[in-house]
């Protein structure tokens, strides 16, 4: 087996990568739009004039809502960053290769978690977990 054939089995084909890229670009566009919506909500909440009602019962609710929106925005920012990194890995042709085991991440997993960098086995190794036996019920 030539070196080029061996490399082809350790990564997804260019056609597969192109398909993944389309999916990730769509998810990235949606994620950026959601992030912008969260930022607008935060801006509106911050400019709503809460300082004029200092000491009211609504302060706690406003603070909770502000904190909640901040957490959602931070999570969404991480998601955007992870999707952007996935696009970089596609361009480098390393997308879909587990960073722990070097094996291909299943297409099913990538469909669910397009920014995944590890196989389930790789995540278990990283955490030090023992592989679990999957029981399938019909």
C-alpha atoms as a PDB file:
ATOM      1  CA  UNK A   1       0.000   0.000   0.000  1.00  0.00           C
ATOM      2  CA  UNK A   2       1.414   3.378  -0.981  1.00  0.00           C
ATOM      3  CA  UNK A   3       1.830   6.201   1.506  1.00  0.00           C
ATOM      4  CA  UNK A   4      -0.863   8.209  -0.290  1.00  0.00           C
ATOM      5  CA  UNK A   5      -3.394   5.357   0.020  1.00  0.00           C
ATOM      6  CA  UNK A   6      -2.589   5.038   3.726  1.00  0.00           C
ATOM      7  CA  UNK A   7      -3.172   8.783   4.271  1.00  0.00           C
ATOM      8  CA  UNK A   8      -6.528   8.581   2.457  1.00  0.00           C
ATOM      9  CA  UNK A   9      -7.800   6.025   4.984  1.00  0.00           C
ATOM     10  CA  UNK A  10      -6.777   8.248   7.910  1.00  0.00           C
ATOM     11  CA  UNK A  11      -8.843  11.245   6.834  1.00  0.00           C
ATOM     12  CA  UNK A  12     -12.101  12.055   5.096  1.00  0.00           C
ATOM     13  CA  UNK A  13     -12.126  12.497   1.320  1.00  0.00           C
ATOM     14  CA  UNK A  14     -12.195  15.958  -0.220  1.00  0.00           C
ATOM     15  CA  UNK A  15     -15.826  15.316  -1.218  1.00  0.00           C
ATOM     16  CA  UNK A  16     -16.756  14.454   2.372  1.00  0.00           C
ATOM     17  CA  UNK A  17     -14.906  17.525   3.641  1.00  0.00           C
ATOM     18  CA  UNK A  18     -16.784  19.715   1.146  1.00  0.00           C
ATOM     19  CA  UNK A  19     -20.104  18.341   2.437  1.00  0.00           C
ATOM     20  CA  UNK A  20     -19.068  18.950   6.057  1.00  0.00           C
ATOM     21  CA  UNK A  21     -17.989  22.478   5.129  1.00  0.00           C
ATOM     22  CA  UNK A  22     -21.437  23.337   3.751  1.00  0.00           C
ATOM     23  CA  UNK A  23     -23.126  22.087   6.923  1.00  0.00           C
ATOM     24  CA  UNK A  24     -20.685  23.908   9.216  1.00  0.00           C
ATOM     25  CA  UNK A  25     -20.916  27.174   7.284  1.00  0.00           C
ATOM     26  CA  UNK A  26     -24.712  27.066   7.599  1.00  0.00           C
ATOM     27  CA  UNK A  27     -24.506  26.341  11.336  1.00  0.00           C
ATOM     28  CA  UNK A  28     -21.900  29.091  11.741  1.00  0.00           C
ATOM     29  CA  UNK A  29     -24.137  31.629  10.018  1.00  0.00           C
ATOM     30  CA  UNK A  30     -27.059  30.664  12.277  1.00  0.00           C
ATOM     31  CA  UNK A  31     -24.863  30.727  15.391  1.00  0.00           C
ATOM     32  CA  UNK A  32     -23.525  34.207  14.579  1.00  0.00           C
ATOM     33  CA  UNK A  33     -27.071  35.452  14.025  1.00  0.00           C
ATOM     34  CA  UNK A  34     -28.177  34.034  17.388  1.00  0.00           C
ATOM     35  CA  UNK A  35     -25.153  35.621  19.070  1.00  0.00           C
ATOM     36  CA  UNK A  36     -26.066  39.006  17.611  1.00  0.00           C
ATOM     37  CA  UNK A  37     -29.644  38.600  18.871  1.00  0.00           C
ATOM     38  CA  UNK A  38     -28.334  37.852  22.363  1.00  0.00           C
ATOM     39  CA  UNK A  39     -26.098  40.927  22.238  1.00  0.00           C
ATOM     40  CA  UNK A  40     -29.070  43.079  21.207  1.00  0.00           C
ATOM     41  CA  UNK A  41     -31.131  41.686  24.101  1.00  0.00           C
ATOM     42  CA  UNK A  42     -28.293  42.422  26.523  1.00  0.00           C
ATOM     43  CA  UNK A  43     -27.919  45.963  25.200  1.00  0.00           C
ATOM     44  CA  UNK A  44     -31.653  46.572  25.504  1.00  0.00           C
ATOM     45  CA  UNK A  45     -31.680  45.180  29.031  1.00  0.00           C
ATOM     46  CA  UNK A  46     -28.709  47.327  30.027  1.00  0.00           C
ATOM     47  CA  UNK A  47     -30.350  50.424  28.558  1.00  0.00           C
ATOM     48  CA  UNK A  48     -33.822  49.741  29.995  1.00  0.00           C
ATOM     49  CA  UNK A  49     -33.465  52.263  32.808  1.00  0.00           C
ATOM     50  CA  UNK A  50     -33.088  49.812  35.690  1.00  0.00           C
ATOM     51  CA  UNK A  51     -31.045  52.380  37.573  1.00  0.00           C
ATOM     52  CA  UNK A  52     -34.206  54.472  38.050  1.00  0.00           C
ATOM     53  CA  UNK A  53     -35.869  51.636  39.964  1.00  0.00           C
ATOM     54  CA  UNK A  54     -33.022  50.844  42.357  1.00  0.00           C
ATOM     55  CA  UNK A  55     -34.120  48.863  45.377  1.00  0.00           C
ATOM     56  CA  UNK A  56     -37.193  47.275  43.842  1.00  0.00           C
ATOM     57  CA  UNK A  57     -38.017  43.585  43.723  1.00  0.00           C
ATOM     58  CA  UNK A  58     -37.383  43.652  39.987  1.00  0.00           C
ATOM     59  CA  UNK A  59     -33.661  44.189  40.591  1.00  0.00           C
ATOM     60  CA  UNK A  60     -33.111  40.507  41.330  1.00  0.00           C
ATOM     61  CA  UNK A  61     -35.042  39.423  38.257  1.00  0.00           C
ATOM     62  CA  UNK A  62     -33.174  41.892  36.052  1.00  0.00           C
ATOM     63  CA  UNK A  63     -29.828  40.775  37.406  1.00  0.00           C
ATOM     64  CA  UNK A  64     -30.745  37.116  36.899  1.00  0.00           C
ATOM     65  CA  UNK A  65     -31.867  37.811  33.333  1.00  0.00           C
ATOM     66  CA  UNK A  66     -28.670  39.772  32.628  1.00  0.00           C
ATOM     67  CA  UNK A  67     -26.501  36.960  34.014  1.00  0.00           C
ATOM     68  CA  UNK A  68     -28.480  34.350  32.087  1.00  0.00           C
ATOM     69  CA  UNK A  69     -28.100  36.265  28.816  1.00  0.00           C
ATOM     70  CA  UNK A  70     -24.383  36.735  29.486  1.00  0.00           C
ATOM     71  CA  UNK A  71     -23.958  32.988  30.001  1.00  0.00           C
ATOM     72  CA  UNK A  72     -25.909  32.215  26.839  1.00  0.00           C
ATOM     73  CA  UNK A  73     -23.835  34.734  24.872  1.00  0.00           C
ATOM     74  CA  UNK A  74     -20.564  33.297  26.210  1.00  0.00           C
ATOM     75  CA  UNK A  75     -21.669  29.784  25.297  1.00  0.00           C
ATOM     76  CA  UNK A  76     -22.708  30.943  21.840  1.00  0.00           C
ATOM     77  CA  UNK A  77     -19.332  32.680  21.370  1.00  0.00           C
ATOM     78  CA  UNK A  78     -17.548  29.408  22.202  1.00  0.00           C
ATOM     79  CA  UNK A  79     -19.783  27.574  19.713  1.00  0.00           C
ATOM     80  CA  UNK A  80     -18.952  30.115  16.975  1.00  0.00           C
ATOM     81  CA  UNK A  81     -15.239  29.808  17.772  1.00  0.00           C
ATOM     82  CA  UNK A  82     -15.427  25.996  17.685  1.00  0.00           C
ATOM     83  CA  UNK A  83     -17.210  26.048  14.323  1.00  0.00           C
ATOM     84  CA  UNK A  84     -14.605  28.456  12.935  1.00  0.00           C
ATOM     85  CA  UNK A  85     -11.864  26.098  14.145  1.00  0.00           C
ATOM     86  CA  UNK A  86     -13.675  23.219  12.434  1.00  0.00           C
ATOM     87  CA  UNK A  87     -13.521  25.150   9.153  1.00  0.00           C
ATOM     88  CA  UNK A  88      -9.780  25.609   9.646  1.00  0.00           C
ATOM     89  CA  UNK A  89      -9.424  21.857  10.184  1.00  0.00           C
ATOM     90  CA  UNK A  90     -11.395  21.248   6.979  1.00  0.00           C
ATOM     91  CA  UNK A  91      -9.015  23.515   5.064  1.00  0.00           C
ATOM     92  CA  UNK A  92      -6.060  21.660   6.656  1.00  0.00           C
ATOM     93  CA  UNK A  93      -7.738  18.328   5.827  1.00  0.00           C
ATOM     94  CA  UNK A  94      -7.543  17.247   9.466  1.00  0.00           C
ATOM     95  CA  UNK A  95     -11.275  17.608  10.137  1.00  0.00           C
ATOM     96  CA  UNK A  96     -12.896  14.498  11.538  1.00  0.00           C
ATOM     97  CA  UNK A  97      -9.656  13.006  12.890  1.00  0.00           C
ATOM     98  CA  UNK A  98      -9.645  12.387  16.651  1.00  0.00           C
ATOM     99  CA  UNK A  99      -6.967  14.397  18.432  1.00  0.00           C
ATOM    100  CA  UNK A 100      -6.510  11.601  20.982  1.00  0.00           C
ATOM    101  CA  UNK A 101      -6.702   8.354  19.013  1.00  0.00           C
ATOM    102  CA  UNK A 102      -5.978   9.529  15.465  1.00  0.00           C
ATOM    103  CA  UNK A 103      -9.013   7.569  14.263  1.00  0.00           C
ATOM    104  CA  UNK A 104     -11.794   9.015  12.155  1.00  0.00           C
ATOM    105  CA  UNK A 105     -14.725  10.448  14.076  1.00  0.00           C
ATOM    106  CA  UNK A 106     -17.910   8.797  12.819  1.00  0.00           C
ATOM    107  CA  UNK A 107     -20.056  10.747  10.388  1.00  0.00           C
ATOM    108  CA  UNK A 108     -22.993  10.237  12.740  1.00  0.00           C
ATOM    109  CA  UNK A 109     -21.112  11.965  15.569  1.00  0.00           C
ATOM    110  CA  UNK A 110     -20.004  14.794  13.280  1.00  0.00           C
ATOM    111  CA  UNK A 111     -23.601  15.259  12.139  1.00  0.00           C
ATOM    112  CA  UNK A 112     -24.646  15.739  15.777  1.00  0.00           C
ATOM    113  CA  UNK A 113     -21.548  17.651  16.923  1.00  0.00           C
ATOM    114  CA  UNK A 114     -19.961  19.205  13.817  1.00  0.00           C
ATOM    115  CA  UNK A 115     -17.174  20.804  15.841  1.00  0.00           C
ATOM    116  CA  UNK A 116     -16.174  17.524  17.538  1.00  0.00           C
ATOM    117  CA  UNK A 117     -12.436  16.912  17.815  1.00  0.00           C
ATOM    118  CA  UNK A 118     -12.571  13.542  19.554  1.00  0.00           C
ATOM    119  CA  UNK A 119     -14.211  10.170  19.069  1.00  0.00           C
ATOM    120  CA  UNK A 120     -16.254   8.820  21.960  1.00  0.00           C
ATOM    121  CA  UNK A 121     -13.324   6.492  22.656  1.00  0.00           C
ATOM    122  CA  UNK A 122     -10.955   9.464  22.648  1.00  0.00           C
ATOM    123  CA  UNK A 123     -13.121  11.393  25.117  1.00  0.00           C
ATOM    124  CA  UNK A 124     -13.182   8.360  27.411  1.00  0.00           C
ATOM    125  CA  UNK A 125      -9.406   8.034  27.229  1.00  0.00           C
ATOM    126  CA  UNK A 126      -9.014  11.731  27.951  1.00  0.00           C
ATOM    127  CA  UNK A 127     -11.207  11.463  31.041  1.00  0.00           C
ATOM    128  CA  UNK A 128      -9.658   8.183  32.105  1.00  0.00           C
ATOM    129  CA  UNK A 129     -13.002   6.400  31.831  1.00  0.00           C
ATOM    130  CA  UNK A 130     -13.214   2.750  31.014  1.00  0.00           C
ATOM    131  CA  UNK A 131     -14.999   2.043  27.739  1.00  0.00           C
ATOM    132  CA  UNK A 132     -18.630   1.257  28.369  1.00  0.00           C
ATOM    133  CA  UNK A 133     -20.465  -1.584  26.762  1.00  0.00           C
ATOM    134  CA  UNK A 134     -23.358  -0.282  24.691  1.00  0.00           C
ATOM    135  CA  UNK A 135     -26.554  -2.248  25.193  1.00  0.00           C
ATOM    136  CA  UNK A 136     -28.956  -1.868  22.310  1.00  0.00           C
ATOM    137  CA  UNK A 137     -32.585  -2.654  22.815  1.00  0.00           C
ATOM    138  CA  UNK A 138     -34.855  -3.461  19.962  1.00  0.00           C
END
